[in-house]
Amino acid sequence: MASLLKIVDAITGRLAVVDELREFAEPPQGALPPLAFPIVQGWEALAMGKTGLIQVDLEVVILTSETVRPQDGYRNLLRFVDHTGPASVFLALWDGNDTPAGTFGGLADTQLDTSSPGSFRVLGVEEMDAYQMYGGAIAVRVLTRG
């Protein structure tokens, strides 16, 4: 099984291919947007044993504006969360899957869950207050095996 840290690092590595986006492995302090980072939401063992399947649910948070005013970062956010185009975070993550080899971001026996495509949501008021920035999040599910 890929460890949680290795999964986070693999996702961060995929974010590095998106032009004009600063990538971080954890919520940064004092960084200028646009930026993105993965947050582990939880994990679940789908089968018992050392080689059992583990499901890891994450969100990739994308922050596009230093203010919480939507008009300051809305159009920029749409560029990054669109499922097409060179600035697409969704495509950068998806392209990390190497299906024939069964790897994600170079991690063996690890894949983005193709049966659960990522969904997007705009950050809520409490999250925007916490980050002091405007943005959104893409849900990502990773499956890994020991």
N, C-alpha and C. Protein backbone atom coordinates (compact mmCIF):
# COMPACT_ATOMS: atom_id res chain seq x y z
N MET A 1 0.84 -1.18 0.00
CA MET A 1 0.00 0.00 0.00
C MET A 1 0.88 1.24 0.00
N ALA A 2 0.50 2.21 -0.80
CA ALA A 2 1.19 3.49 -0.75
C ALA A 2 0.74 4.20 0.53
N SER A 3 1.68 4.79 1.23
CA SER A 3 1.34 5.51 2.46
C SER A 3 0.57 6.79 2.11
N LEU A 4 -0.11 7.34 3.11
CA LEU A 4 -0.84 8.59 2.90
C LEU A 4 0.10 9.70 2.44
N LEU A 5 1.30 9.76 3.02
CA LEU A 5 2.26 10.79 2.61
C LEU A 5 2.67 10.62 1.16
N LYS A 6 2.88 9.38 0.72
CA LYS A 6 3.25 9.15 -0.67
C LYS A 6 2.12 9.51 -1.63
N ILE A 7 0.88 9.23 -1.22
CA ILE A 7 -0.28 9.59 -2.05
C ILE A 7 -0.39 11.10 -2.16
N VAL A 8 -0.25 11.80 -1.05
CA VAL A 8 -0.29 13.28 -1.06
C VAL A 8 0.83 13.82 -1.94
N ASP A 9 2.03 13.26 -1.82
CA ASP A 9 3.15 13.72 -2.64
C ASP A 9 2.92 13.45 -4.12
N ALA A 10 2.30 12.31 -4.45
CA ALA A 10 2.01 12.00 -5.86
C ALA A 10 0.99 12.98 -6.42
N ILE A 11 -0.02 13.32 -5.65
CA ILE A 11 -1.01 14.30 -6.10
C ILE A 11 -0.36 15.67 -6.26
N THR A 12 0.48 16.05 -5.31
CA THR A 12 1.20 17.33 -5.40
C THR A 12 2.06 17.36 -6.65
N GLY A 13 2.69 16.25 -6.96
CA GLY A 13 3.50 16.16 -8.18
C GLY A 13 2.68 16.35 -9.43
N ARG A 14 1.45 15.83 -9.44
CA ARG A 14 0.57 16.02 -10.59
C ARG A 14 0.15 17.48 -10.71
N LEU A 15 -0.04 18.15 -9.58
CA LEU A 15 -0.41 19.58 -9.61
C LEU A 15 0.70 20.42 -10.21
N ALA A 16 1.94 19.95 -10.12
CA ALA A 16 3.09 20.71 -10.63
C ALA A 16 3.06 20.87 -12.14
N VAL A 17 2.28 20.04 -12.85
CA VAL A 17 2.24 20.16 -14.31
C VAL A 17 1.28 21.24 -14.79
N VAL A 18 0.49 21.81 -13.88
CA VAL A 18 -0.49 22.85 -14.25
C VAL A 18 0.21 24.21 -14.26
N ASP A 19 0.22 24.84 -15.43
CA ASP A 19 0.85 26.15 -15.56
C ASP A 19 0.17 27.19 -14.67
N GLU A 20 0.95 28.09 -14.14
CA GLU A 20 0.48 29.24 -13.36
C GLU A 20 -0.12 28.85 -12.01
N LEU A 21 0.08 27.62 -11.57
CA LEU A 21 -0.48 27.16 -10.31
C LEU A 21 0.66 26.74 -9.39
N ARG A 22 0.70 27.30 -8.19
CA ARG A 22 1.71 26.90 -7.21
C ARG A 22 1.16 25.70 -6.43
N GLU A 23 1.95 24.65 -6.34
CA GLU A 23 1.49 23.43 -5.68
C GLU A 23 2.18 23.27 -4.32
N PHE A 24 1.42 22.75 -3.37
CA PHE A 24 1.92 22.51 -2.02
C PHE A 24 1.40 21.16 -1.54
N ALA A 25 2.15 20.51 -0.67
CA ALA A 25 1.73 19.21 -0.11
C ALA A 25 0.84 19.38 1.12
N GLU A 26 0.72 20.60 1.60
CA GLU A 26 -0.13 20.90 2.76
C GLU A 26 -0.62 22.34 2.63
N PRO A 27 -1.60 22.73 3.44
CA PRO A 27 -2.07 24.12 3.36
C PRO A 27 -0.90 25.07 3.64
N PRO A 28 -0.59 25.95 2.69
CA PRO A 28 0.55 26.85 2.87
C PRO A 28 0.20 28.06 3.73
N GLN A 29 1.23 28.69 4.23
CA GLN A 29 1.04 29.94 4.96
C GLN A 29 1.77 31.04 4.20
N GLY A 30 1.07 32.13 3.93
CA GLY A 30 1.68 33.29 3.30
C GLY A 30 1.99 33.13 1.83
N ALA A 31 1.42 32.15 1.16
CA ALA A 31 1.67 31.96 -0.27
C ALA A 31 0.64 32.75 -1.08
N LEU A 32 1.07 33.20 -2.24
CA LEU A 32 0.19 33.96 -3.12
C LEU A 32 -0.56 33.02 -4.06
N PRO A 33 -1.83 33.28 -4.27
CA PRO A 33 -2.59 32.47 -5.23
C PRO A 33 -2.23 32.86 -6.66
N PRO A 34 -2.55 32.02 -7.61
CA PRO A 34 -3.30 30.77 -7.47
C PRO A 34 -2.41 29.64 -6.97
N LEU A 35 -3.01 28.81 -6.12
CA LEU A 35 -2.28 27.70 -5.52
C LEU A 35 -3.23 26.54 -5.26
N ALA A 36 -2.64 25.37 -5.05
CA ALA A 36 -3.45 24.18 -4.80
C ALA A 36 -2.70 23.23 -3.88
N PHE A 37 -3.47 22.44 -3.13
CA PHE A 37 -2.89 21.45 -2.23
C PHE A 37 -3.94 20.38 -1.91
N PRO A 38 -3.50 19.14 -1.67
CA PRO A 38 -4.44 18.08 -1.30
C PRO A 38 -4.66 18.03 0.21
N ILE A 39 -5.88 17.68 0.58
CA ILE A 39 -6.25 17.48 1.98
C ILE A 39 -6.89 16.09 2.10
N VAL A 40 -6.35 15.24 2.97
CA VAL A 40 -6.94 13.92 3.20
C VAL A 40 -8.23 14.11 4.00
N GLN A 41 -9.33 13.58 3.47
CA GLN A 41 -10.62 13.64 4.14
C GLN A 41 -10.88 12.40 5.00
N GLY A 42 -10.27 11.29 4.60
CA GLY A 42 -10.44 10.05 5.35
C GLY A 42 -10.03 8.87 4.50
N TRP A 43 -9.96 7.71 5.12
CA TRP A 43 -9.63 6.49 4.39
C TRP A 43 -10.43 5.34 4.97
N GLU A 44 -10.56 4.28 4.16
CA GLU A 44 -11.36 3.12 4.57
C GLU A 44 -10.75 1.86 3.98
N ALA A 45 -10.63 0.83 4.81
CA ALA A 45 -10.18 -0.48 4.32
C ALA A 45 -11.37 -1.17 3.66
N LEU A 46 -11.23 -1.52 2.38
CA LEU A 46 -12.32 -2.19 1.67
C LEU A 46 -12.20 -3.71 1.77
N ALA A 47 -11.04 -4.18 2.20
CA ALA A 47 -10.82 -5.61 2.41
C ALA A 47 -9.77 -5.76 3.51
N MET A 48 -9.93 -6.77 4.34
CA MET A 48 -8.99 -6.99 5.44
C MET A 48 -7.71 -7.63 4.93
N GLY A 49 -6.64 -7.44 5.67
CA GLY A 49 -5.37 -8.07 5.34
C GLY A 49 -4.32 -7.06 4.91
N LYS A 50 -3.08 -7.54 4.90
CA LYS A 50 -1.96 -6.65 4.55
C LYS A 50 -1.99 -6.21 3.10
N THR A 51 -2.63 -6.98 2.24
CA THR A 51 -2.69 -6.61 0.83
C THR A 51 -4.10 -6.18 0.43
N GLY A 52 -4.93 -5.87 1.41
CA GLY A 52 -6.30 -5.46 1.13
C GLY A 52 -6.35 -4.10 0.46
N LEU A 53 -7.46 -3.83 -0.18
CA LEU A 53 -7.68 -2.57 -0.88
C LEU A 53 -8.04 -1.47 0.12
N ILE A 54 -7.38 -0.32 -0.02
CA ILE A 54 -7.63 0.84 0.83
C ILE A 54 -8.14 1.97 -0.06
N GLN A 55 -9.21 2.61 0.37
CA GLN A 55 -9.78 3.75 -0.34
C GLN A 55 -9.42 5.02 0.45
N VAL A 56 -8.78 5.97 -0.22
CA VAL A 56 -8.39 7.23 0.41
C VAL A 56 -9.17 8.35 -0.28
N ASP A 57 -9.95 9.09 0.48
CA ASP A 57 -10.71 10.22 -0.05
C ASP A 57 -10.00 11.51 0.29
N LEU A 58 -9.79 12.33 -0.74
CA LEU A 58 -9.09 13.61 -0.59
C LEU A 58 -9.88 14.70 -1.30
N GLU A 59 -9.51 15.93 -1.01
CA GLU A 59 -9.94 17.07 -1.79
C GLU A 59 -8.69 17.84 -2.20
N VAL A 60 -8.67 18.26 -3.45
CA VAL A 60 -7.62 19.15 -3.91
C VAL A 60 -8.21 20.55 -3.84
N VAL A 61 -7.70 21.35 -2.92
CA VAL A 61 -8.19 22.71 -2.72
C VAL A 61 -7.42 23.63 -3.66
N ILE A 62 -8.16 24.47 -4.37
CA ILE A 62 -7.59 25.43 -5.30
C ILE A 62 -8.00 26.82 -4.84
N LEU A 63 -7.02 27.65 -4.56
CA LEU A 63 -7.29 29.03 -4.11
C LEU A 63 -6.83 30.00 -5.19
N THR A 64 -7.71 30.92 -5.57
CA THR A 64 -7.42 31.79 -6.71
C THR A 64 -7.40 33.27 -6.39
N SER A 65 -7.76 33.65 -5.19
CA SER A 65 -7.83 35.06 -4.87
C SER A 65 -7.51 35.28 -3.39
N GLU A 66 -6.82 36.39 -3.11
CA GLU A 66 -6.47 36.69 -1.72
C GLU A 66 -7.65 37.23 -0.92
N THR A 67 -8.74 37.54 -1.59
CA THR A 67 -9.93 38.01 -0.90
C THR A 67 -11.00 36.94 -1.02
N VAL A 68 -12.05 37.06 -0.25
CA VAL A 68 -13.13 36.10 -0.34
C VAL A 68 -14.23 36.59 -1.28
N ARG A 69 -13.96 37.66 -2.02
CA ARG A 69 -14.93 38.18 -2.98
C ARG A 69 -14.89 37.32 -4.24
N PRO A 70 -15.99 36.66 -4.59
CA PRO A 70 -15.99 35.79 -5.77
C PRO A 70 -15.51 36.47 -7.04
N GLN A 71 -15.87 37.72 -7.25
CA GLN A 71 -15.50 38.37 -8.50
C GLN A 71 -13.99 38.50 -8.67
N ASP A 72 -13.23 38.42 -7.59
CA ASP A 72 -11.78 38.55 -7.69
C ASP A 72 -11.10 37.27 -8.18
N GLY A 73 -11.73 36.12 -8.02
CA GLY A 73 -11.08 34.88 -8.40
C GLY A 73 -11.93 33.90 -9.17
N TYR A 74 -13.18 34.27 -9.45
CA TYR A 74 -14.13 33.34 -10.05
C TYR A 74 -13.67 32.81 -11.41
N ARG A 75 -13.35 33.70 -12.35
CA ARG A 75 -12.97 33.27 -13.69
C ARG A 75 -11.68 32.45 -13.67
N ASN A 76 -10.76 32.86 -12.81
CA ASN A 76 -9.51 32.10 -12.68
C ASN A 76 -9.79 30.71 -12.13
N LEU A 77 -10.67 30.61 -11.16
CA LEU A 77 -11.04 29.31 -10.60
C LEU A 77 -11.63 28.40 -11.67
N LEU A 78 -12.48 28.96 -12.53
CA LEU A 78 -13.09 28.15 -13.58
C LEU A 78 -12.05 27.56 -14.52
N ARG A 79 -10.97 28.30 -14.80
CA ARG A 79 -9.90 27.76 -15.65
C ARG A 79 -9.28 26.51 -15.03
N PHE A 80 -9.07 26.54 -13.72
CA PHE A 80 -8.39 25.43 -13.05
C PHE A 80 -9.30 24.23 -12.80
N VAL A 81 -10.59 24.45 -12.64
CA VAL A 81 -11.49 23.32 -12.32
C VAL A 81 -12.20 22.78 -13.55
N ASP A 82 -12.03 23.43 -14.70
CA ASP A 82 -12.63 22.92 -15.92
C ASP A 82 -12.05 21.53 -16.22
N HIS A 83 -12.84 20.70 -16.86
CA HIS A 83 -12.35 19.35 -17.18
C HIS A 83 -11.60 19.31 -18.51
N THR A 84 -11.37 20.47 -19.11
CA THR A 84 -10.61 20.56 -20.36
C THR A 84 -9.59 21.69 -20.25
N GLY A 85 -8.64 21.69 -21.16
CA GLY A 85 -7.70 22.80 -21.26
C GLY A 85 -6.40 22.58 -20.51
N PRO A 86 -5.40 23.40 -20.85
CA PRO A 86 -4.06 23.23 -20.28
C PRO A 86 -3.95 23.58 -18.79
N ALA A 87 -4.91 24.33 -18.25
CA ALA A 87 -4.86 24.69 -16.83
C ALA A 87 -5.73 23.78 -15.97
N SER A 88 -6.26 22.70 -16.55
CA SER A 88 -7.20 21.83 -15.85
C SER A 88 -6.51 20.97 -14.79
N VAL A 89 -6.86 21.21 -13.53
CA VAL A 89 -6.35 20.37 -12.44
C VAL A 89 -6.92 18.96 -12.58
N PHE A 90 -8.19 18.86 -12.96
CA PHE A 90 -8.83 17.56 -13.15
C PHE A 90 -8.04 16.71 -14.13
N LEU A 91 -7.68 17.28 -15.29
CA LEU A 91 -6.91 16.52 -16.28
C LEU A 91 -5.51 16.18 -15.78
N ALA A 92 -4.88 17.10 -15.07
CA ALA A 92 -3.54 16.82 -14.54
C ALA A 92 -3.59 15.62 -13.60
N LEU A 93 -4.60 15.56 -12.75
CA LEU A 93 -4.74 14.42 -11.84
C LEU A 93 -5.05 13.16 -12.62
N TRP A 94 -6.01 13.25 -13.52
CA TRP A 94 -6.44 12.08 -14.28
C TRP A 94 -5.29 11.51 -15.10
N ASP A 95 -4.48 12.39 -15.69
CA ASP A 95 -3.36 11.95 -16.51
C ASP A 95 -2.27 11.28 -15.68
N GLY A 96 -2.35 11.35 -14.36
CA GLY A 96 -1.40 10.66 -13.49
C GLY A 96 -1.63 9.17 -13.44
N ASN A 97 -2.81 8.72 -13.89
CA ASN A 97 -3.11 7.29 -13.94
C ASN A 97 -2.37 6.66 -15.10
N ASP A 98 -1.65 5.60 -14.83
CA ASP A 98 -1.01 4.81 -15.87
C ASP A 98 -1.68 3.44 -15.82
N THR A 99 -2.85 3.36 -16.46
CA THR A 99 -3.72 2.19 -16.32
C THR A 99 -3.04 0.86 -16.65
N PRO A 100 -2.33 0.75 -17.78
CA PRO A 100 -1.72 -0.57 -18.05
C PRO A 100 -0.76 -1.02 -16.96
N ALA A 101 -0.04 -0.08 -16.38
CA ALA A 101 0.94 -0.44 -15.35
C ALA A 101 0.32 -0.47 -13.96
N GLY A 102 -0.91 0.05 -13.82
CA GLY A 102 -1.58 0.06 -12.51
C GLY A 102 -0.93 0.99 -11.52
N THR A 103 -0.50 2.16 -11.99
CA THR A 103 0.14 3.12 -11.09
C THR A 103 -0.51 4.49 -11.19
N PHE A 104 -0.39 5.26 -10.14
CA PHE A 104 -0.76 6.67 -10.15
C PHE A 104 0.44 7.46 -9.67
N GLY A 105 0.86 8.43 -10.44
CA GLY A 105 1.97 9.29 -10.05
C GLY A 105 3.22 8.51 -9.68
N GLY A 106 3.42 7.34 -10.30
CA GLY A 106 4.60 6.53 -10.02
C GLY A 106 4.43 5.56 -8.85
N LEU A 107 3.27 5.55 -8.20
CA LEU A 107 3.04 4.64 -7.07
C LEU A 107 2.42 3.34 -7.56
N ALA A 108 3.11 2.23 -7.35
CA ALA A 108 2.61 0.93 -7.78
C ALA A 108 1.36 0.56 -7.00
N ASP A 109 0.47 -0.20 -7.64
CA ASP A 109 -0.77 -0.68 -7.03
C ASP A 109 -1.61 0.45 -6.47
N THR A 110 -1.58 1.61 -7.12
CA THR A 110 -2.34 2.78 -6.68
C THR A 110 -2.97 3.42 -7.90
N GLN A 111 -4.26 3.74 -7.81
CA GLN A 111 -5.00 4.34 -8.93
C GLN A 111 -6.00 5.36 -8.43
N LEU A 112 -6.28 6.37 -9.28
CA LEU A 112 -7.47 7.18 -9.04
C LEU A 112 -8.66 6.27 -9.29
N ASP A 113 -9.70 6.39 -8.50
CA ASP A 113 -10.87 5.54 -8.64
C ASP A 113 -11.67 5.99 -9.86
N THR A 114 -11.62 5.22 -10.93
CA THR A 114 -12.30 5.60 -12.16
C THR A 114 -13.81 5.44 -12.07
N SER A 115 -14.29 4.69 -11.08
CA SER A 115 -15.74 4.54 -10.92
C SER A 115 -16.34 5.69 -10.13
N SER A 116 -15.49 6.56 -9.61
CA SER A 116 -15.97 7.69 -8.80
C SER A 116 -15.29 8.96 -9.28
N PRO A 117 -15.72 9.49 -10.44
CA PRO A 117 -15.05 10.68 -10.98
C PRO A 117 -15.14 11.85 -10.02
N GLY A 118 -14.13 12.68 -10.05
CA GLY A 118 -14.06 13.82 -9.14
C GLY A 118 -15.20 14.79 -9.33
N SER A 119 -15.68 15.32 -8.23
CA SER A 119 -16.70 16.36 -8.29
C SER A 119 -16.07 17.66 -7.80
N PHE A 120 -16.67 18.77 -8.19
CA PHE A 120 -16.16 20.08 -7.82
C PHE A 120 -17.17 20.82 -6.97
N ARG A 121 -16.65 21.60 -6.01
CA ARG A 121 -17.52 22.47 -5.21
C ARG A 121 -16.76 23.76 -4.91
N VAL A 122 -17.51 24.86 -4.80
CA VAL A 122 -16.93 26.13 -4.37
C VAL A 122 -16.79 26.06 -2.85
N LEU A 123 -15.71 26.60 -2.32
CA LEU A 123 -15.52 26.61 -0.87
C LEU A 123 -16.65 27.35 -0.19
N GLY A 124 -17.03 26.87 0.99
CA GLY A 124 -18.06 27.54 1.77
C GLY A 124 -17.49 28.75 2.51
N VAL A 125 -18.37 29.52 3.10
CA VAL A 125 -17.98 30.75 3.79
C VAL A 125 -16.98 30.47 4.90
N GLU A 126 -17.20 29.40 5.68
CA GLU A 126 -16.29 29.08 6.78
C GLU A 126 -14.90 28.73 6.27
N GLU A 127 -14.82 27.99 5.18
CA GLU A 127 -13.52 27.64 4.60
C GLU A 127 -12.83 28.89 4.05
N MET A 128 -13.58 29.73 3.37
CA MET A 128 -12.98 30.96 2.85
C MET A 128 -12.47 31.84 3.98
N ASP A 129 -13.22 31.88 5.08
CA ASP A 129 -12.75 32.63 6.25
C ASP A 129 -11.46 32.01 6.81
N ALA A 130 -11.40 30.70 6.84
CA ALA A 130 -10.21 30.02 7.38
C ALA A 130 -8.98 30.27 6.52
N TYR A 131 -9.14 30.20 5.20
CA TYR A 131 -8.00 30.39 4.29
C TYR A 131 -7.78 31.86 3.95
N GLN A 132 -8.80 32.70 4.19
CA GLN A 132 -8.77 34.10 3.78
C GLN A 132 -8.54 34.24 2.29
N MET A 133 -9.10 33.31 1.54
CA MET A 133 -8.99 33.31 0.08
C MET A 133 -10.25 32.70 -0.51
N TYR A 134 -10.45 32.99 -1.78
CA TYR A 134 -11.56 32.44 -2.55
C TYR A 134 -11.07 31.22 -3.32
N GLY A 135 -11.90 30.20 -3.43
CA GLY A 135 -11.50 29.03 -4.19
C GLY A 135 -12.53 27.93 -4.18
N GLY A 136 -12.08 26.75 -4.56
CA GLY A 136 -12.95 25.59 -4.63
C GLY A 136 -12.15 24.33 -4.37
N ALA A 137 -12.82 23.18 -4.48
CA ALA A 137 -12.15 21.92 -4.21
C ALA A 137 -12.68 20.84 -5.15
N ILE A 138 -11.77 19.97 -5.58
CA ILE A 138 -12.10 18.82 -6.41
C ILE A 138 -11.94 17.56 -5.56
N ALA A 139 -12.98 16.74 -5.52
CA ALA A 139 -12.93 15.48 -4.77
C ALA A 139 -12.12 14.46 -5.56
N VAL A 140 -11.26 13.74 -4.87
CA VAL A 140 -10.42 12.72 -5.49
C VAL A 140 -10.47 11.47 -4.60
N ARG A 141 -10.67 10.34 -5.25
CA ARG A 141 -10.64 9.05 -4.52
C ARG A 141 -9.51 8.22 -5.09
N VAL A 142 -8.64 7.76 -4.20
CA VAL A 142 -7.50 6.94 -4.59
C VAL A 142 -7.68 5.55 -3.99
N LEU A 143 -7.38 4.54 -4.80
CA LEU A 143 -7.40 3.16 -4.33
C LEU A 143 -5.97 2.65 -4.32
N THR A 144 -5.57 2.02 -3.22
CA THR A 144 -4.22 1.48 -3.13
C THR A 144 -4.27 0.12 -2.46
N ARG A 145 -3.26 -0.66 -2.71
CA ARG A 145 -3.22 -2.04 -2.20
C ARG A 145 -1.83 -2.29 -1.62
N GLY A 146 -1.78 -3.09 -0.57
CA GLY A 146 -0.52 -3.43 0.06
C GLY A 146 0.37 -4.30 -0.79
